[in-house]
Amino acid sequence: MPSFEIVTHVMAPPERVFDISLDVDVHTASMAGSSEIAVGGVTAGNLKLGDTVTWQARHFGIRWRMTSTISAYDRPGYFVDEQASGPFKRWYHAHYFRPYGNDGTVMSDVVEFAAPLGPLGRIAEILVLRHYMPKLILIRNQHIKQIAEDNLTAD
């Protein structure tokens, strides 16, 4: 099963980065390139333990839906979202937030995923998804970083 980790340094406190990371509207804005929107469950505001959200997006010219559940939550240290239903055989995304220096945060995303369709899915993982999925997380994290750092004085 493919997995990867993305580490992002954010010059904002862990509580702030944690909260921004759970904001449905921030996620939607970060994924505008794939026309991702929340269409079910919690569709605006911040997610919390047990919440579900159904995302609709367009990837590779195909419209997809995935319902995720916040399955673990310990503010401001970490949360986990997992696919409840959708295109993957498995999707597990752990988000970790550690203090760094003076009011900074090391944000680590650990993702495990598996494509459906047996051997065909494994080929898709190797040829496409192992490169595509980290790029999506990087885009998302840069958006979170920008919001957390740019609006720090607005709080």
Protein backbone atom coordinates (compact mmCIF):
# COMPACT_ATOMS: atom_id res chain seq x y z
CA MET A 1 0.00 0.00 0.00
CA PRO A 2 1.49 3.36 -0.97
CA SER A 3 2.18 5.89 1.76
CA PHE A 4 3.96 9.22 1.96
CA GLU A 5 4.69 12.04 4.40
CA ILE A 6 4.66 15.76 3.67
CA VAL A 7 6.25 18.12 6.23
CA THR A 8 5.41 21.84 6.17
CA HIS A 9 6.79 24.54 8.47
CA VAL A 10 4.24 27.22 9.34
CA MET A 11 5.04 30.39 11.27
CA ALA A 12 1.86 30.30 13.34
CA PRO A 13 0.95 28.51 16.59
CA PRO A 14 -0.18 24.85 16.41
CA GLU A 15 -3.72 25.70 17.63
CA ARG A 16 -4.20 28.10 14.74
CA VAL A 17 -2.79 25.71 12.12
CA PHE A 18 -4.84 22.82 13.53
CA ASP A 19 -8.09 24.83 13.37
CA ILE A 20 -7.40 26.12 9.85
CA SER A 21 -6.64 22.56 8.71
CA LEU A 22 -10.10 21.41 9.83
CA ASP A 23 -11.97 24.24 8.12
CA VAL A 24 -14.13 22.93 5.26
CA ASP A 25 -14.09 26.32 3.51
CA VAL A 26 -10.27 26.48 3.59
CA HIS A 27 -10.06 22.95 2.19
CA THR A 28 -12.48 23.82 -0.60
CA ALA A 29 -10.49 26.94 -1.51
CA SER A 30 -7.22 24.98 -1.50
CA MET A 31 -8.63 22.42 -3.93
CA ALA A 32 -10.22 24.89 -6.35
CA GLY A 33 -8.07 23.47 -9.15
CA SER A 34 -10.06 20.22 -8.99
CA SER A 35 -13.41 22.00 -8.38
CA GLU A 36 -13.69 20.28 -5.00
CA ILE A 37 -16.75 21.16 -2.95
CA ALA A 38 -18.44 19.77 0.14
CA VAL A 39 -21.82 18.30 -0.86
CA GLY A 40 -22.85 16.34 2.24
CA GLY A 41 -22.35 16.06 5.97
CA VAL A 42 -20.58 19.11 7.38
CA THR A 43 -20.35 21.49 4.42
CA ALA A 44 -18.99 24.64 6.13
CA GLY A 45 -16.98 25.60 9.19
CA ASN A 46 -14.72 23.40 11.28
CA LEU A 47 -14.87 19.63 11.53
CA LYS A 48 -14.61 17.80 14.85
CA LEU A 49 -14.36 14.22 16.06
CA GLY A 50 -16.98 11.99 14.42
CA ASP A 51 -17.96 14.50 11.74
CA THR A 52 -18.31 13.38 8.16
CA VAL A 53 -18.07 15.37 4.97
CA THR A 54 -18.74 14.26 1.42
CA TRP A 55 -16.43 15.86 -1.11
CA GLN A 56 -17.10 16.09 -4.82
CA ALA A 57 -14.17 16.82 -7.12
CA ARG A 58 -12.96 16.37 -10.66
CA HIS A 59 -9.68 14.50 -11.13
CA PHE A 60 -8.43 13.15 -14.47
CA GLY A 61 -11.60 14.50 -16.11
CA ILE A 62 -13.82 12.29 -13.93
CA ARG A 63 -16.18 13.49 -11.18
CA TRP A 64 -15.53 11.70 -7.87
CA ARG A 65 -17.24 11.63 -4.49
CA MET A 66 -15.59 10.66 -1.26
CA THR A 67 -17.04 10.70 2.24
CA SER A 68 -14.47 11.20 4.98
CA THR A 69 -14.85 10.81 8.73
CA ILE A 70 -12.76 12.52 11.40
CA SER A 71 -11.84 9.32 13.26
CA ALA A 72 -9.29 10.72 15.73
CA TYR A 73 -8.93 14.19 17.20
CA ASP A 74 -6.69 15.65 19.90
CA ARG A 75 -6.45 19.43 19.54
CA PRO A 76 -3.87 20.80 18.82
CA GLY A 77 -1.70 17.71 18.36
CA TYR A 78 -3.33 15.65 15.63
CA PHE A 79 -6.42 14.49 13.81
CA VAL A 80 -7.15 11.71 11.35
CA ASP A 81 -9.53 11.62 8.43
CA GLU A 82 -10.43 8.33 6.80
CA GLN A 83 -12.53 7.44 3.81
CA ALA A 84 -15.93 6.06 4.80
CA SER A 85 -16.95 5.61 1.16
CA GLY A 86 -15.49 6.63 -2.14
CA PRO A 87 -13.04 5.83 -4.88
CA PHE A 88 -10.21 4.35 -2.81
CA LYS A 89 -9.94 0.87 -1.39
CA ARG A 90 -8.33 2.67 1.57
CA TRP A 91 -7.64 6.31 2.43
CA TYR A 92 -6.05 7.20 5.79
CA HIS A 93 -4.69 10.71 6.41
CA ALA A 94 -3.09 11.58 9.76
CA HIS A 95 -2.34 15.27 10.42
CA TYR A 96 0.23 16.11 13.12
CA PHE A 97 1.03 19.56 14.55
CA ARG A 98 4.16 20.09 16.66
CA PRO A 99 5.38 23.37 18.14
CA TYR A 100 8.46 24.75 16.41
CA GLY A 101 10.56 27.67 17.64
CA ASN A 102 8.69 30.80 18.68
CA ASP A 103 5.04 30.30 17.72
CA GLY A 104 5.79 28.09 14.74
CA THR A 105 4.37 24.70 13.80
CA VAL A 106 5.73 21.65 12.05
CA MET A 107 2.73 20.22 10.21
CA SER A 108 3.18 16.60 9.11
CA ASP A 109 0.74 14.78 6.86
CA VAL A 110 1.04 11.00 6.77
CA VAL A 111 -1.11 9.43 4.07
CA GLU A 112 -1.77 5.77 3.31
CA PHE A 113 -3.96 4.85 0.37
CA ALA A 114 -4.86 1.96 -1.87
CA ALA A 115 -6.61 2.07 -5.21
CA PRO A 116 -9.46 -0.34 -5.98
CA LEU A 117 -9.49 -2.85 -8.83
CA GLY A 118 -6.71 -5.20 -7.69
CA PRO A 119 -3.81 -5.39 -10.17
CA LEU A 120 -5.18 -2.51 -12.27
CA GLY A 121 -5.37 -0.34 -9.17
CA ARG A 122 -1.80 -1.24 -8.26
CA ILE A 123 -0.66 -0.11 -11.72
CA ALA A 124 -2.55 3.18 -11.25
CA GLU A 125 -0.85 3.62 -7.86
CA ILE A 126 2.60 3.14 -9.36
CA LEU A 127 2.14 5.12 -12.57
CA VAL A 128 -0.06 7.99 -11.41
CA LEU A 129 -1.28 8.17 -7.82
CA ARG A 130 2.05 7.97 -5.98
CA HIS A 131 3.02 11.24 -7.71
CA TYR A 132 -0.40 12.89 -7.94
CA MET A 133 -1.54 12.48 -4.33
CA PRO A 134 1.51 14.15 -2.69
CA LYS A 135 1.12 17.09 -5.08
CA LEU A 136 -2.48 17.60 -3.89
CA ILE A 137 -1.38 17.58 -0.25
CA LEU A 138 1.44 20.05 -1.03
CA ILE A 139 -1.05 22.41 -2.69
CA ARG A 140 -3.38 22.13 0.29
CA ASN A 141 -0.58 22.71 2.79
CA GLN A 142 0.73 25.79 0.99
CA HIS A 143 -2.77 27.24 1.12
CA ILE A 144 -3.04 26.50 4.87
CA LYS A 145 0.42 28.00 5.44
CA GLN A 146 -0.48 31.18 3.57
CA ILE A 147 -3.71 31.69 5.50
CA ALA A 148 -2.14 30.91 8.87
CA GLU A 149 0.82 33.23 8.33
CA ASP A 150 -0.84 36.07 6.37
CA ASN A 151 -3.76 36.55 8.74
CA LEU A 152 -1.89 35.99 12.00
CA THR A 153 -2.39 39.56 13.14
CA ALA A 154 -6.11 39.48 12.30
CA ASP A 155 -6.92 37.38 15.38
